[in-house]
Amino acid sequence: MNKFFDKPWFYKIIALLAATLLVIYIDTTQHGYFTQGEQTTSQQTATKKVTISVPLQVSVNTDRYYVTGYPEKVKMTLSGASALVTSTQNTQNFRVYIDLTKLSVGKHTIKVKVTNLNKQLAYSINPKKITVNIQRRKSRSLPVQIEYNKNVVPDAYTIGTAKADPSVVSVTGAKSEVNQINKIIAKVVLPTNTTKTFEQQVMLVAEDKKGSQLNVVINPLAVNVKIPITLPKKTVKIKLNPKNESSDKVYSLTAETTSVTIYGKSSALKKIKELDTDADLKNVSSSQTKKIKLKLPNGVIKASEDVVAVRITVANSTQSGS
């Protein structure tokens, strides 16, 4: 047995096994596992790909030209080192734009460009090209017209003059569009049976003669609209008309409230000079105060008083003749 361990080839095999195990150990500790610092470095150098929505800027002489047809935002795909992509995504310290400064009036298809983007990042834009329409710019000041359905207001009520604040607005757009403007409208939707003054912020639209909406910029875009709605009123005296008097009695009637305010249709109120009120004296044999319900004429909706107190003084007719 001792002769077996004394063989030279035996020690060579042992040495080879030991060397192999040492190489495996070193390789595992250096490449198979990371310390905390090495893991952070790996995350920073890993690649990342994201798609974000970014504003599209337009380079053009805005004092002279008006541009339509371009989207407000475009899709941008970024790829590169994870940390760099994340930083760029959060800060968006680059510019995506179309340059129209050297183009004339008309339709043009233009490439979307990017500037100030880190050169270590790869990117793509969707859409890559955009078709725009460049027109001569024009501005006008126009009055605001108010439209609403008067039929939703009850017949007895009076609708005053509707007003917009501001009453005049500025309109800007392509010359061809601005020239077609027939009116600037605030379209008001009144609730059914509106019985009091209506006030609301209303969006404006520009329309041509056919009623089609035009693509222009209105400033301000909304105005405050006020539509006065009132119920006409009138103050009249109360006229007491005694009914069913006894022939042997003398009556004196005095209303504690001598006048009343009535509300209703304007045309009906104009015809009313005083409010006739019947005082039923049947079975009234002694002086007393009686409450009498007011009768409203046609066209009158309500009155400030529903009933009035009437002092009734009763005397025998023989006493009045002595």
Protein backbone atom coordinates (compact mmCIF):
# COMPACT_ATOMS: atom_id res chain seq x y z
CA MET A 1 0.00 0.00 0.00
CA ASN A 2 2.80 2.42 0.83
CA LYS A 3 4.31 1.73 -2.57
CA PHE A 4 1.05 2.96 -4.16
CA PHE A 5 1.36 6.40 -2.50
CA ASP A 6 5.02 6.58 -3.46
CA LYS A 7 4.19 6.59 -7.17
CA PRO A 8 5.03 9.97 -8.88
CA TRP A 9 1.86 9.93 -11.01
CA PHE A 10 -0.24 9.80 -7.84
CA TYR A 11 1.05 13.19 -6.65
CA LYS A 12 0.56 14.63 -10.12
CA ILE A 13 -3.14 13.69 -10.03
CA ILE A 14 -3.57 15.23 -6.57
CA ALA A 15 -1.91 18.46 -7.70
CA LEU A 16 -4.11 18.65 -10.79
CA LEU A 17 -7.30 18.23 -8.74
CA ALA A 18 -6.23 20.91 -6.27
CA ALA A 19 -5.44 23.37 -9.09
CA THR A 20 -8.82 22.73 -10.73
CA LEU A 21 -10.71 23.35 -7.50
CA LEU A 22 -8.77 26.57 -6.90
CA VAL A 23 -9.61 27.90 -10.37
CA ILE A 24 -13.31 27.11 -9.90
CA TYR A 25 -13.34 28.89 -6.52
CA ILE A 26 -11.65 32.05 -7.84
CA ASP A 27 -13.91 32.23 -10.91
CA THR A 28 -17.05 31.86 -8.79
CA THR A 29 -16.13 34.56 -6.27
CA GLN A 30 -15.10 37.08 -8.93
CA HIS A 31 -17.82 36.58 -11.54
CA GLY A 32 -20.67 34.61 -10.08
CA TYR A 33 -21.53 37.02 -7.23
CA PHE A 34 -21.48 40.83 -6.73
CA THR A 35 -20.82 42.91 -3.68
CA GLN A 36 -23.24 45.81 -3.02
CA GLY A 37 -21.01 48.32 -4.84
CA GLU A 38 -20.55 46.01 -7.82
CA GLN A 39 -24.33 45.43 -8.05
CA THR A 40 -25.01 49.17 -8.20
CA THR A 41 -22.44 49.54 -10.98
CA SER A 42 -24.12 46.76 -12.91
CA GLN A 43 -27.52 48.43 -12.62
CA GLN A 44 -26.10 51.72 -13.89
CA THR A 45 -24.55 50.13 -16.93
CA ALA A 46 -27.57 47.95 -17.81
CA THR A 47 -29.59 49.02 -20.88
CA LYS A 48 -33.14 50.39 -20.79
CA LYS A 49 -35.76 51.31 -23.38
CA VAL A 50 -38.76 53.61 -22.80
CA THR A 51 -41.37 55.42 -24.89
CA ILE A 52 -42.50 58.84 -23.71
CA SER A 53 -44.84 61.57 -24.95
CA VAL A 54 -43.08 64.90 -25.48
CA PRO A 55 -44.28 68.36 -26.60
CA LEU A 56 -43.65 69.27 -30.23
CA GLN A 57 -42.29 72.80 -30.63
CA VAL A 58 -42.71 74.79 -33.85
CA SER A 59 -40.11 77.25 -35.08
CA VAL A 60 -41.90 79.85 -37.21
CA ASN A 61 -42.48 83.59 -37.45
CA THR A 62 -45.71 83.73 -35.44
CA ASP A 63 -46.21 87.44 -36.12
CA ARG A 64 -46.55 86.70 -39.83
CA TYR A 65 -47.72 83.11 -40.18
CA TYR A 66 -50.36 80.81 -38.70
CA VAL A 67 -49.67 77.06 -38.77
CA THR A 68 -52.14 74.18 -38.58
CA GLY A 69 -51.90 70.40 -38.93
CA TYR A 70 -49.25 69.52 -36.36
CA PRO A 71 -49.87 67.46 -33.20
CA GLU A 72 -49.38 68.93 -29.75
CA LYS A 73 -47.18 65.97 -28.73
CA VAL A 74 -45.23 63.14 -30.40
CA LYS A 75 -44.04 59.72 -29.19
CA MET A 76 -40.31 59.34 -28.55
CA THR A 77 -38.53 56.05 -27.82
CA LEU A 78 -35.23 56.28 -25.90
CA SER A 79 -32.72 53.49 -25.35
CA GLY A 80 -29.32 53.31 -23.69
CA ALA A 81 -27.77 53.04 -20.26
CA SER A 82 -30.47 52.62 -17.65
CA ALA A 83 -29.38 55.53 -15.45
CA LEU A 84 -29.06 57.88 -18.43
CA VAL A 85 -32.43 56.91 -19.87
CA THR A 86 -34.12 57.39 -16.49
CA SER A 87 -32.50 60.80 -15.98
CA THR A 88 -33.45 61.97 -19.48
CA GLN A 89 -37.01 60.68 -19.06
CA ASN A 90 -37.45 62.62 -15.81
CA THR A 91 -35.82 65.91 -16.83
CA GLN A 92 -36.68 65.98 -20.57
CA ASN A 93 -33.93 68.54 -21.03
CA PHE A 94 -33.98 68.19 -24.79
CA ARG A 95 -36.09 69.73 -27.54
CA VAL A 96 -38.26 68.06 -30.19
CA TYR A 97 -39.26 70.48 -32.96
CA ILE A 98 -40.06 71.21 -36.58
CA ASP A 99 -38.31 74.11 -38.29
CA LEU A 100 -40.57 76.12 -40.62
CA THR A 101 -38.53 79.32 -40.71
CA LYS A 102 -37.42 78.87 -44.32
CA LEU A 103 -40.74 77.65 -45.71
CA SER A 104 -43.36 79.65 -47.61
CA VAL A 105 -47.16 79.69 -47.50
CA GLY A 106 -48.78 76.34 -48.32
CA LYS A 107 -48.68 72.67 -47.29
CA HIS A 108 -45.33 71.11 -46.40
CA THR A 109 -44.15 67.74 -45.09
CA ILE A 110 -41.33 68.35 -42.64
CA LYS A 111 -39.03 66.05 -40.63
CA VAL A 112 -39.23 66.13 -36.83
CA LYS A 113 -35.88 67.04 -35.29
CA VAL A 114 -34.29 66.58 -31.85
CA THR A 115 -31.64 68.75 -30.22
CA ASN A 116 -29.77 68.74 -26.86
CA LEU A 117 -30.23 64.99 -26.46
CA ASN A 118 -27.29 63.07 -24.96
CA LYS A 119 -25.34 61.44 -27.81
CA GLN A 120 -24.99 58.20 -25.84
CA LEU A 121 -28.72 57.62 -26.25
CA ALA A 122 -30.43 56.11 -29.27
CA TYR A 123 -33.91 57.42 -30.16
CA SER A 124 -36.77 57.23 -32.64
CA ILE A 125 -39.71 59.61 -33.22
CA ASN A 126 -43.30 58.74 -34.13
CA PRO A 127 -44.36 60.29 -36.43
CA LYS A 128 -41.03 60.97 -38.11
CA LYS A 129 -42.55 63.50 -40.52
CA ILE A 130 -45.52 65.87 -40.19
CA THR A 131 -47.59 67.67 -42.83
CA VAL A 132 -48.38 71.27 -41.88
CA ASN A 133 -50.32 74.07 -43.51
CA ILE A 134 -48.67 77.51 -43.34
CA GLN A 135 -50.98 80.49 -43.90
CA ARG A 136 -50.79 84.23 -43.57
CA ARG A 137 -51.75 85.29 -40.05
CA LYS A 138 -54.64 87.68 -39.38
CA SER A 139 -56.32 89.08 -36.27
CA ARG A 140 -59.70 90.77 -35.78
CA SER A 141 -61.74 92.14 -32.91
CA LEU A 142 -65.37 91.01 -33.02
CA PRO A 143 -68.45 91.43 -30.79
CA VAL A 144 -69.89 88.43 -28.95
CA GLN A 145 -73.41 87.37 -29.90
CA ILE A 146 -75.51 85.38 -27.42
CA GLU A 147 -77.89 82.63 -28.50
CA TYR A 148 -80.38 80.82 -26.24
CA ASN A 149 -83.86 79.28 -26.31
CA LYS A 150 -86.40 81.79 -25.00
CA ASN A 151 -89.18 79.20 -24.99
CA VAL A 152 -87.89 77.58 -21.78
CA VAL A 153 -88.78 80.74 -19.82
CA PRO A 154 -92.43 80.80 -18.58
CA ASP A 155 -94.69 83.12 -20.55
CA ALA A 156 -95.32 85.67 -17.78
CA TYR A 157 -91.63 86.37 -17.21
CA THR A 158 -89.71 89.14 -18.93
CA ILE A 159 -86.29 88.47 -20.48
CA GLY A 160 -83.96 91.44 -20.43
CA THR A 161 -81.01 92.17 -22.70
CA ALA A 162 -78.41 89.40 -22.50
CA LYS A 163 -74.86 90.67 -21.98
CA ALA A 164 -71.40 89.13 -22.32
CA ASP A 165 -68.34 90.19 -20.36
CA PRO A 166 -66.16 90.97 -22.24
CA SER A 167 -68.48 91.92 -25.08
CA VAL A 168 -65.68 92.09 -27.68
CA VAL A 169 -62.99 89.43 -28.20
CA SER A 170 -59.86 89.02 -30.31
CA VAL A 171 -59.75 86.35 -33.03
CA THR A 172 -56.53 85.10 -34.65
CA GLY A 173 -55.92 82.49 -37.31
CA ALA A 174 -55.14 81.83 -40.93
CA LYS A 175 -56.20 84.77 -43.09
CA SER A 176 -58.50 82.56 -45.15
CA GLU A 177 -60.30 81.34 -42.01
CA VAL A 178 -60.56 84.71 -40.26
CA ASN A 179 -62.04 86.29 -43.41
CA GLN A 180 -64.89 83.74 -43.31
CA ILE A 181 -66.03 84.61 -39.78
CA ASN A 182 -69.68 85.65 -39.74
CA LYS A 183 -70.12 85.80 -35.96
CA ILE A 184 -68.64 84.87 -32.60
CA ILE A 185 -71.30 83.05 -30.58
CA ALA A 186 -71.85 82.21 -26.94
CA LYS A 187 -74.40 79.38 -27.05
CA VAL A 188 -76.27 79.30 -23.74
CA VAL A 189 -78.32 76.30 -22.60
CA LEU A 190 -81.05 77.60 -20.32
CA PRO A 191 -82.68 75.05 -17.99
CA THR A 192 -86.39 74.43 -18.56
CA ASN A 193 -88.70 76.80 -16.59
CA THR A 194 -85.95 79.26 -15.71
CA THR A 195 -87.56 81.98 -13.57
CA LYS A 196 -84.59 83.99 -12.35
CA THR A 197 -81.59 85.78 -13.80
CA PHE A 198 -79.17 83.30 -15.39
CA GLU A 199 -75.38 83.79 -15.23
CA GLN A 200 -72.67 81.42 -16.46
CA GLN A 201 -69.23 81.11 -18.11
CA VAL A 202 -69.81 80.11 -21.73
CA MET A 203 -67.33 78.87 -24.35
CA LEU A 204 -67.18 80.82 -27.61
CA VAL A 205 -67.24 79.50 -31.18
CA ALA A 206 -66.56 81.21 -34.50
CA GLU A 207 -68.97 80.39 -37.32
CA ASP A 208 -69.19 81.20 -41.01
CA LYS A 209 -72.40 82.18 -42.85
CA LYS A 210 -73.42 78.52 -43.15
CA GLY A 211 -73.07 77.91 -39.41
CA SER A 212 -69.91 75.82 -39.73
CA GLN A 213 -67.29 76.21 -37.00
CA LEU A 214 -63.98 77.77 -38.05
CA ASN A 215 -60.49 76.83 -36.89
CA VAL A 216 -59.36 80.05 -35.21
CA VAL A 217 -58.03 81.08 -31.80
CA ILE A 218 -60.44 83.19 -29.72
CA ASN A 219 -59.11 85.23 -26.82
CA PRO A 220 -60.60 84.92 -24.28
CA LEU A 221 -62.07 81.53 -25.14
CA ALA A 222 -64.95 81.91 -22.64
CA VAL A 223 -67.00 84.89 -21.47
CA ASN A 224 -69.38 85.53 -18.59
CA VAL A 225 -72.95 85.66 -19.89
CA LYS A 226 -75.79 87.24 -17.92
CA ILE A 227 -79.44 86.97 -19.00
CA PRO A 228 -81.81 89.03 -16.81
CA ILE A 229 -85.08 87.21 -16.16
CA THR A 230 -87.69 88.93 -14.03
CA LEU A 231 -91.37 88.71 -13.21
CA PRO A 232 -93.05 92.11 -13.84
CA LYS A 233 -94.76 93.67 -10.84
CA LYS A 234 -97.05 96.55 -10.02
CA THR A 235 -98.39 98.06 -6.79
CA VAL A 236 -102.10 98.84 -6.81
CA LYS A 237 -104.71 99.89 -4.27
CA ILE A 238 -107.22 97.39 -2.92
CA LYS A 239 -110.86 98.17 -3.70
CA LEU A 240 -113.32 96.42 -1.39
CA ASN A 241 -116.67 95.48 -2.93
CA PRO A 242 -119.29 94.51 -0.28
CA LYS A 243 -121.56 91.60 -1.21
CA ASN A 244 -124.66 90.10 0.44
CA GLU A 245 -125.34 93.10 2.74
CA SER A 246 -128.39 93.04 5.00
CA SER A 247 -130.93 95.74 4.14
CA ASP A 248 -131.30 96.84 7.74
CA LYS A 249 -127.61 97.27 8.34
CA VAL A 250 -125.07 99.89 7.46
CA TYR A 251 -121.54 98.65 6.83
CA SER A 252 -118.20 100.42 6.86
CA LEU A 253 -115.22 98.45 5.44
CA THR A 254 -111.59 99.37 5.95
CA ALA A 255 -108.70 97.18 4.82
CA GLU A 256 -105.72 97.17 7.17
CA THR A 257 -103.54 96.84 4.06
CA THR A 258 -104.59 99.47 1.54
CA SER A 259 -102.35 98.40 -1.37
CA VAL A 260 -100.72 95.23 -2.66
CA THR A 261 -97.97 94.33 -5.13
CA ILE A 262 -99.08 92.01 -7.89
CA TYR A 263 -96.81 89.99 -10.21
CA GLY A 264 -97.59 88.72 -13.68
CA LYS A 265 -97.56 89.27 -17.40
CA SER A 266 -96.62 92.81 -18.30
CA SER A 267 -99.55 93.28 -20.70
CA ALA A 268 -102.00 92.13 -18.01
CA LEU A 269 -100.57 94.43 -15.32
CA LYS A 270 -100.95 97.48 -17.55
CA LYS A 271 -104.73 97.00 -17.62
CA ILE A 272 -105.09 96.76 -13.83
CA LYS A 273 -105.71 100.09 -12.07
CA GLU A 274 -106.86 98.64 -8.73
CA LEU A 275 -107.44 95.20 -7.28
CA ASP A 276 -111.15 94.51 -6.88
CA THR A 277 -111.81 92.33 -3.83
CA ASP A 278 -115.22 90.98 -2.86
CA ALA A 279 -116.12 91.17 0.84
CA ASP A 280 -118.91 88.72 1.69
CA LEU A 281 -121.04 90.28 4.48
CA LYS A 282 -123.54 87.45 4.75
CA ASN A 283 -124.18 86.60 8.39
CA VAL A 284 -122.08 89.58 9.54
CA SER A 285 -124.35 91.25 12.11
CA SER A 286 -121.82 92.94 14.36
CA SER A 287 -118.58 94.82 14.02
CA GLN A 288 -115.56 92.56 13.52
CA THR A 289 -112.31 92.02 11.68
CA LYS A 290 -112.48 89.48 8.89
CA LYS A 291 -109.77 88.00 6.72
CA ILE A 292 -110.61 88.08 3.05
CA LYS A 293 -108.76 86.13 0.35
CA LEU A 294 -107.60 88.21 -2.59
CA LYS A 295 -108.80 87.17 -6.03
CA LEU A 296 -106.11 87.52 -8.68
CA PRO A 297 -107.14 88.68 -12.18
CA ASN A 298 -106.15 86.79 -15.32
CA GLY A 299 -102.47 87.22 -16.14
CA VAL A 300 -101.50 87.78 -12.48
CA ILE A 301 -99.43 84.94 -11.01
CA LYS A 302 -99.07 86.03 -7.42
CA ALA A 303 -99.40 88.96 -4.99
CA SER A 304 -97.41 90.18 -2.03
CA GLU A 305 -100.44 89.31 0.17
CA ASP A 306 -102.73 86.30 -0.16
CA VAL A 307 -105.32 87.62 2.27
CA VAL A 308 -106.06 91.00 3.83
CA ALA A 309 -107.60 91.84 7.19
CA VAL A 310 -110.73 93.99 6.82
CA ARG A 311 -112.31 95.89 9.71
CA ILE A 312 -116.08 95.75 9.32
CA THR A 313 -118.17 98.23 11.32
CA VAL A 314 -121.89 97.36 11.47
CA ALA A 315 -124.69 99.71 12.49
CA ASN A 316 -128.49 99.47 12.29
CA SER A 317 -129.99 101.43 9.42
CA THR A 318 -132.56 103.09 11.82
CA GLN A 319 -129.72 104.54 13.85
CA SER A 320 -128.09 105.97 10.79
CA GLY A 321 -131.35 107.64 9.76
CA SER A 322 -132.08 109.39 13.14
